[in-house]
């Protein structure tokens, strides 16, 4: 074999393959999708298997399950950050309202993450946002002309906090200029 001309690609080489397999405990064979990723600099490939009954192409099946996995990660994040599985009220209606409030809080957190956080911290989880932005102590000093927040820079720097406030301020101005929706 000869080495290809040029520099090797930094992107992983990805291969998909579909085959039938029957484990000893299964009554019939099932379709298995294998995804093999060769990353530059790694000795062994990363191999993943999906057992499915979907008849789509192997690439489409993997894409579908990746989206499903992302959705389940969002649910897991909501459970851990907001404890929205804590529906301990005696009445069904009360639990329904409580769950709706949890979903609202989750959506507000995602809204904050998407539009108010600068790119260097936009990957933060909702738990990190809570711990570093919401559940922090601050001393509020009100003067006749201004209000000062004194916070420790342990969680976030002043520059980052100012950047977030500026983004929220610009977002507020953009919402004020947008036409009102009539219901």
Protein backbone atom coordinates (compact mmCIF):
# COMPACT_ATOMS: atom_id res chain seq x y z
CA UNK A 1 0.00 0.00 0.00
CA UNK A 2 1.17 3.49 -0.76
CA UNK A 3 0.52 6.49 1.41
CA UNK A 4 -2.00 8.96 -0.08
CA UNK A 5 -0.58 12.26 -1.30
CA UNK A 6 -1.09 15.28 0.98
CA UNK A 7 -1.75 15.68 4.65
CA UNK A 8 -4.04 13.25 6.43
CA UNK A 9 -7.48 14.59 7.24
CA UNK A 10 -8.17 15.64 10.83
CA UNK A 11 -11.78 14.54 10.49
CA UNK A 12 -12.56 11.02 11.65
CA UNK A 13 -13.26 8.41 9.03
CA UNK A 14 -16.75 7.06 9.65
CA UNK A 15 -18.11 3.78 8.27
CA UNK A 16 -21.58 2.29 8.65
CA UNK A 17 -22.62 -1.30 8.12
CA UNK A 18 -25.88 -3.19 8.59
CA UNK A 19 -26.11 -6.93 9.25
CA UNK A 20 -28.38 -9.53 10.84
CA UNK A 21 -27.48 -11.08 14.18
CA UNK A 22 -29.17 -13.53 16.52
CA UNK A 23 -28.03 -13.81 20.12
CA UNK A 24 -28.56 -17.09 21.91
CA UNK A 25 -31.42 -15.65 23.98
CA UNK A 26 -33.26 -14.14 20.96
CA UNK A 27 -36.02 -16.02 19.16
CA UNK A 28 -35.15 -14.53 15.77
CA UNK A 29 -32.37 -12.56 14.15
CA UNK A 30 -32.43 -8.78 14.31
CA UNK A 31 -30.96 -5.97 12.28
CA UNK A 32 -27.79 -4.48 13.74
CA UNK A 33 -26.20 -1.22 12.61
CA UNK A 34 -22.48 -0.82 13.26
CA UNK A 35 -20.78 2.58 13.25
CA UNK A 36 -16.99 2.60 13.13
CA UNK A 37 -15.05 5.84 13.66
CA UNK A 38 -11.31 6.08 13.05
CA UNK A 39 -9.92 9.21 14.72
CA UNK A 40 -6.50 10.56 13.82
CA UNK A 41 -3.91 9.66 16.43
CA UNK A 42 -5.97 6.94 18.11
CA UNK A 43 -4.79 3.34 18.08
CA UNK A 44 -8.21 1.68 18.07
CA UNK A 45 -11.43 2.69 16.34
CA UNK A 46 -14.58 3.67 18.22
CA UNK A 47 -17.28 1.12 17.48
CA UNK A 48 -20.95 1.40 18.34
CA UNK A 49 -23.87 -0.93 17.67
CA UNK A 50 -27.60 -0.26 17.41
CA UNK A 51 -30.14 -3.09 17.37
CA UNK A 52 -33.18 -1.85 15.49
CA UNK A 53 -36.17 -2.79 13.38
CA UNK A 54 -35.92 0.36 11.24
CA UNK A 55 -35.45 -0.29 7.53
CA UNK A 56 -33.75 3.03 6.70
CA UNK A 57 -30.14 3.32 5.58
CA UNK A 58 -27.57 2.74 8.33
CA UNK A 59 -26.60 6.45 8.29
CA UNK A 60 -30.26 7.51 8.72
CA UNK A 61 -30.77 5.07 11.61
CA UNK A 62 -27.69 6.37 13.46
CA UNK A 63 -28.80 9.97 12.84
CA UNK A 64 -32.28 9.15 14.21
CA UNK A 65 -30.90 7.53 17.38
CA UNK A 66 -28.43 10.41 17.92
CA UNK A 67 -31.36 12.87 17.89
CA UNK A 68 -33.23 10.63 20.32
CA UNK A 69 -30.19 10.53 22.58
CA UNK A 70 -29.95 14.34 22.57
CA UNK A 71 -33.62 14.54 23.54
CA UNK A 72 -33.08 12.10 26.41
CA UNK A 73 -30.08 14.16 27.57
CA UNK A 74 -32.34 17.22 27.77
CA UNK A 75 -34.85 15.28 29.85
CA UNK A 76 -32.04 14.05 32.12
CA UNK A 77 -30.77 17.63 32.50
CA UNK A 78 -34.25 18.81 33.51
CA UNK A 79 -34.56 16.01 36.06
CA UNK A 80 -31.21 16.79 37.69
CA UNK A 81 -31.13 20.59 37.49
CA UNK A 82 -34.78 21.28 38.30
CA UNK A 83 -35.86 18.02 39.99
CA UNK A 84 -39.03 18.11 37.92
CA UNK A 85 -39.85 14.53 38.85
CA UNK A 86 -40.67 15.76 42.36
CA UNK A 87 -44.42 15.83 42.00
CA UNK A 88 -45.42 15.16 45.59
CA UNK A 89 -48.74 17.02 45.76
CA UNK A 90 -51.83 15.03 46.74
CA UNK A 91 -53.98 16.28 43.85
CA UNK A 92 -53.42 15.59 40.16
CA UNK A 93 -54.17 19.21 39.21
CA UNK A 94 -51.56 20.48 41.65
CA UNK A 95 -48.92 18.14 40.22
CA UNK A 96 -49.90 19.22 36.71
CA UNK A 97 -49.36 22.89 37.61
CA UNK A 98 -46.10 22.06 39.33
CA UNK A 99 -44.81 20.19 36.26
CA UNK A 100 -45.86 23.09 34.01
CA UNK A 101 -43.84 25.46 36.22
CA UNK A 102 -40.81 23.15 36.00
CA UNK A 103 -41.10 23.08 32.20
CA UNK A 104 -41.37 26.88 32.15
CA UNK A 105 -38.22 27.14 34.30
CA UNK A 106 -36.43 24.71 31.97
CA UNK A 107 -37.43 26.73 28.91
CA UNK A 108 -36.32 29.97 30.56
CA UNK A 109 -32.97 28.36 31.38
CA UNK A 110 -32.54 27.25 27.77
CA UNK A 111 -33.58 30.71 26.57
CA UNK A 112 -30.92 32.23 28.84
CA UNK A 113 -28.30 29.75 27.63
CA UNK A 114 -29.08 30.34 23.96
CA UNK A 115 -29.50 34.13 23.86
CA UNK A 116 -27.85 35.65 26.94
CA UNK A 117 -24.70 33.62 27.46
CA UNK A 118 -21.59 34.54 25.48
CA UNK A 119 -20.13 31.82 23.27
CA UNK A 120 -17.36 30.89 25.71
CA UNK A 121 -19.91 29.71 28.31
CA UNK A 122 -22.88 28.77 26.10
CA UNK A 123 -22.06 25.08 26.69
CA UNK A 124 -22.86 25.34 30.42
CA UNK A 125 -25.45 22.95 31.75
CA UNK A 126 -28.52 24.23 33.55
CA UNK A 127 -26.95 23.11 36.84
CA UNK A 128 -23.87 25.25 36.12
CA UNK A 129 -26.06 28.23 35.23
CA UNK A 130 -27.92 27.81 38.52
CA UNK A 131 -24.78 27.51 40.62
CA UNK A 132 -22.74 30.22 38.91
CA UNK A 133 -25.39 32.81 38.04
CA UNK A 134 -28.59 32.34 40.03
CA UNK A 135 -27.72 30.75 43.38
CA UNK A 136 -24.88 33.12 44.23
CA UNK A 137 -24.73 35.61 47.02
CA UNK A 138 -24.43 39.28 46.25
CA UNK A 139 -24.47 42.44 48.26
CA UNK A 140 -26.79 45.07 46.81
CA UNK A 141 -25.96 48.67 47.58
CA UNK A 142 -28.49 51.30 46.50
CA UNK A 143 -27.38 54.89 46.10
CA UNK A 144 -29.52 57.78 44.96
CA UNK A 145 -28.35 57.45 41.33
CA UNK A 146 -27.31 53.83 40.96
CA UNK A 147 -27.53 50.33 42.35
CA UNK A 148 -24.35 48.31 42.81
CA UNK A 149 -24.13 44.51 42.93
CA UNK A 150 -21.06 43.28 44.78
CA UNK A 151 -20.37 39.66 43.91
CA UNK A 152 -17.35 37.43 44.38
CA UNK A 153 -15.51 36.63 41.16
CA UNK A 154 -15.22 32.96 42.10
CA UNK A 155 -18.04 31.84 39.80
CA UNK A 156 -17.65 34.24 36.88
CA UNK A 157 -15.50 37.24 36.07
CA UNK A 158 -16.76 40.81 35.95
CA UNK A 159 -16.06 40.99 32.21
CA UNK A 160 -18.17 37.89 31.55
CA UNK A 161 -21.01 39.15 33.76
CA UNK A 162 -21.01 42.53 32.00
CA UNK A 163 -21.10 40.73 28.65
CA UNK A 164 -24.17 38.75 29.75
CA UNK A 165 -25.95 41.87 31.00
CA UNK A 166 -25.20 43.65 27.71
CA UNK A 167 -26.63 40.72 25.73
CA UNK A 168 -29.78 40.71 27.87
CA UNK A 169 -30.12 44.48 27.42
CA UNK A 170 -29.78 44.17 23.61
CA UNK A 171 -32.33 41.35 23.65
CA UNK A 172 -34.76 43.55 25.58
CA UNK A 173 -34.38 46.38 23.06
CA UNK A 174 -34.91 43.95 20.16
CA UNK A 175 -38.10 42.63 21.79
CA UNK A 176 -39.38 46.18 22.34
CA UNK A 177 -38.92 46.97 18.63
CA UNK A 178 -40.64 43.77 17.46
CA UNK A 179 -44.28 44.04 16.44
CA UNK A 180 -46.74 42.87 19.09
CA UNK A 181 -48.50 39.56 18.53
CA UNK A 182 -52.25 39.65 18.66
CA UNK A 183 -54.04 36.57 19.90
